[in-house]
C-alpha atoms as a PDB file:
ATOM      1  CA  MET A   1       0.000   0.000   0.000  1.00  0.00           C
ATOM      2  CA  SER A   2       1.442   3.363  -0.988  1.00  0.00           C
ATOM      3  CA  LYS A   3       1.647   6.286   1.388  1.00  0.00           C
ATOM      4  CA  ILE A   4      -0.950   8.458  -0.358  1.00  0.00           C
ATOM      5  CA  CYS A   5      -4.197   9.830   1.074  1.00  0.00           C
ATOM      6  CA  GLN A   6      -7.177   8.514  -0.901  1.00  0.00           C
ATOM      7  CA  ILE A   7      -9.248  11.662  -0.285  1.00  0.00           C
ATOM      8  CA  THR A   8      -6.802  14.579  -0.592  1.00  0.00           C
ATOM      9  CA  GLY A   9      -4.017  12.968  -2.647  1.00  0.00           C
ATOM     10  CA  LYS A  10      -1.335  14.072  -0.191  1.00  0.00           C
ATOM     11  CA  LYS A  11       1.940  12.154  -0.341  1.00  0.00           C
ATOM     12  CA  ALA A  12       5.432  12.358   1.117  1.00  0.00           C
ATOM     13  CA  MET A  13       7.597  15.362   0.274  1.00  0.00           C
ATOM     14  CA  VAL A  14      11.388  15.478   0.060  1.00  0.00           C
ATOM     15  CA  GLY A  15      13.445  18.123   1.814  1.00  0.00           C
ATOM     16  CA  ASN A  16      16.629  18.689   3.763  1.00  0.00           C
ATOM     17  CA  ASN A  17      17.743  18.173   7.328  1.00  0.00           C
ATOM     18  CA  VAL A  18      19.757  21.268   8.158  1.00  0.00           C
ATOM     19  CA  SER A  19      22.258  20.904  10.973  1.00  0.00           C
ATOM     20  CA  HIS A  20      23.636  23.704  13.134  1.00  0.00           C
ATOM     21  CA  SER A  21      26.638  23.921  10.786  1.00  0.00           C
ATOM     22  CA  LYS A  22      24.200  24.278   7.831  1.00  0.00           C
ATOM     23  CA  ARG A  23      25.151  20.871   6.407  1.00  0.00           C
ATOM     24  CA  ARG A  24      22.206  19.556   4.384  1.00  0.00           C
ATOM     25  CA  THR A  25      21.162  15.911   4.087  1.00  0.00           C
ATOM     26  CA  LYS A  26      18.056  14.557   2.368  1.00  0.00           C
ATOM     27  CA  ARG A  27      14.985  13.556   4.383  1.00  0.00           C
ATOM     28  CA  LYS A  28      11.307  12.757   3.844  1.00  0.00           C
ATOM     29  CA  PHE A  29       8.301  14.574   5.229  1.00  0.00           C
ATOM     30  CA  ASN A  30       5.720  11.786   5.549  1.00  0.00           C
ATOM     31  CA  VAL A  31       1.957  12.321   5.656  1.00  0.00           C
ATOM     32  CA  ASN A  32      -0.074  11.628   8.793  1.00  0.00           C
ATOM     33  CA  LEU A  33      -1.848   8.543   7.359  1.00  0.00           C
ATOM     34  CA  PHE A  34      -4.056   5.948   8.994  1.00  0.00           C
ATOM     35  CA  THR A  35      -6.609   3.357   7.942  1.00  0.00           C
ATOM     36  CA  LYS A  36     -10.189   4.110   8.938  1.00  0.00           C
ATOM     37  CA  LYS A  37     -13.477   2.282   8.402  1.00  0.00           C
ATOM     38  CA  PHE A  38     -16.563   4.228   7.338  1.00  0.00           C
ATOM     39  CA  TYR A  39     -20.163   3.203   6.838  1.00  0.00           C
ATOM     40  CA  TRP A  40     -21.200   4.322   3.337  1.00  0.00           C
ATOM     41  CA  VAL A  41     -24.928   4.975   3.777  1.00  0.00           C
ATOM     42  CA  GLU A  42     -25.726   5.394   0.066  1.00  0.00           C
ATOM     43  CA  GLN A  43     -24.331   1.932  -0.767  1.00  0.00           C
ATOM     44  CA  GLY A  44     -25.170   0.308   2.569  1.00  0.00           C
ATOM     45  CA  VAL A  45     -21.658  -1.134   3.074  1.00  0.00           C
ATOM     46  CA  TRP A  46     -18.617  -0.630   5.294  1.00  0.00           C
ATOM     47  CA  ILE A  47     -15.481   0.583   3.482  1.00  0.00           C
ATOM     48  CA  SER A  48     -11.882   1.005   4.570  1.00  0.00           C
ATOM     49  CA  LEU A  49      -9.903   4.045   3.412  1.00  0.00           C
ATOM     50  CA  THR A  50      -6.303   5.151   3.912  1.00  0.00           C
ATOM     51  CA  ILE A  51      -6.680   8.811   4.763  1.00  0.00           C
ATOM     52  CA  SER A  52      -4.713  11.672   6.278  1.00  0.00           C
ATOM     53  CA  ALA A  53      -5.860  13.884   9.124  1.00  0.00           C
ATOM     54  CA  ALA A  54      -6.745  16.556   6.557  1.00  0.00           C
ATOM     55  CA  GLY A  55      -8.785  13.984   4.632  1.00  0.00           C
ATOM     56  CA  LEU A  56     -10.729  13.120   7.775  1.00  0.00           C
ATOM     57  CA  ARG A  57     -11.572  16.791   8.283  1.00  0.00           C
ATOM     58  CA  THR A  58     -12.719  16.965   4.657  1.00  0.00           C
ATOM     59  CA  ILE A  59     -15.046  13.994   5.204  1.00  0.00           C
ATOM     60  CA  ASN A  60     -16.419  15.603   8.371  1.00  0.00           C
ATOM     61  CA  LYS A  61     -17.068  18.845   6.483  1.00  0.00           C
ATOM     62  CA  LEU A  62     -18.499  17.567   3.178  1.00  0.00           C
ATOM     63  CA  GLY A  63     -19.752  14.097   4.064  1.00  0.00           C
ATOM     64  CA  LEU A  64     -18.366  10.745   2.922  1.00  0.00           C
ATOM     65  CA  ASN A  65     -20.206  10.515  -0.400  1.00  0.00           C
ATOM     66  CA  ALA A  66     -19.336  14.075  -1.522  1.00  0.00           C
ATOM     67  CA  ALA A  67     -15.692  13.705  -0.456  1.00  0.00           C
ATOM     68  CA  MET A  68     -15.357  10.420  -2.358  1.00  0.00           C
ATOM     69  CA  GLU A  69     -16.946  11.921  -5.489  1.00  0.00           C
ATOM     70  CA  GLN A  70     -14.566  14.880  -5.290  1.00  0.00           C
ATOM     71  CA  ALA A  71     -11.559  12.565  -4.863  1.00  0.00           C
ATOM     72  CA  ALA A  72     -12.683  10.425  -7.817  1.00  0.00           C
ATOM     73  CA  GLU A  73     -12.991  13.512 -10.050  1.00  0.00           C
ATOM     74  CA  LYS A  74      -9.443  14.547  -9.181  1.00  0.00           C
ATOM     75  CA  GLY A  75      -8.155  10.995  -9.758  1.00  0.00           C
ATOM     76  CA  TYR A  76      -7.117  10.230  -6.159  1.00  0.00           C
ATOM     77  CA  LEU A  77      -9.653   7.445  -5.646  1.00  0.00           C
ATOM     78  CA  THR A  78     -10.644   4.636  -7.997  1.00  0.00           C
ATOM     79  CA  GLY A  79     -13.065   1.757  -7.579  1.00  0.00           C
ATOM     80  CA  ASN A  80     -10.160  -0.671  -7.080  1.00  0.00           C
ATOM     81  CA  ASP A  81      -8.782   1.358  -4.156  1.00  0.00           C
ATOM     82  CA  ILE A  82     -11.867   0.935  -1.965  1.00  0.00           C
ATOM     83  CA  LYS A  83     -11.892  -2.101   0.315  1.00  0.00           C
ATOM     84  CA  PHE A  84     -15.408  -3.325   1.086  1.00  0.00           C
ATOM     85  CA  LEU A  85     -15.710  -5.026   4.440  1.00  0.00           C
ATOM     86  CA  ALA A  86     -18.187  -7.813   5.014  1.00  0.00           C
ATOM     87  CA  LEU A  87     -19.340  -7.603   8.605  1.00  0.00           C
END
């Protein structure tokens, strides 16, 4: 599983560690990702998404269905990415 948010499309950035002597070495700025289960009311199923904290706030603001439609339009989420959970 790649380290990309399925709602916002955020992924790791590359930058520099800068020491006190100003020596620069490469480092990664990773995204705050976690796996969360949601109940998708329109489809009547549980789904599992890999989302960032910003993606969770987006879902809280817009709703799950609207956030997923927006992510699909931008190309961050495809039908193969969604894991349906049988409970």
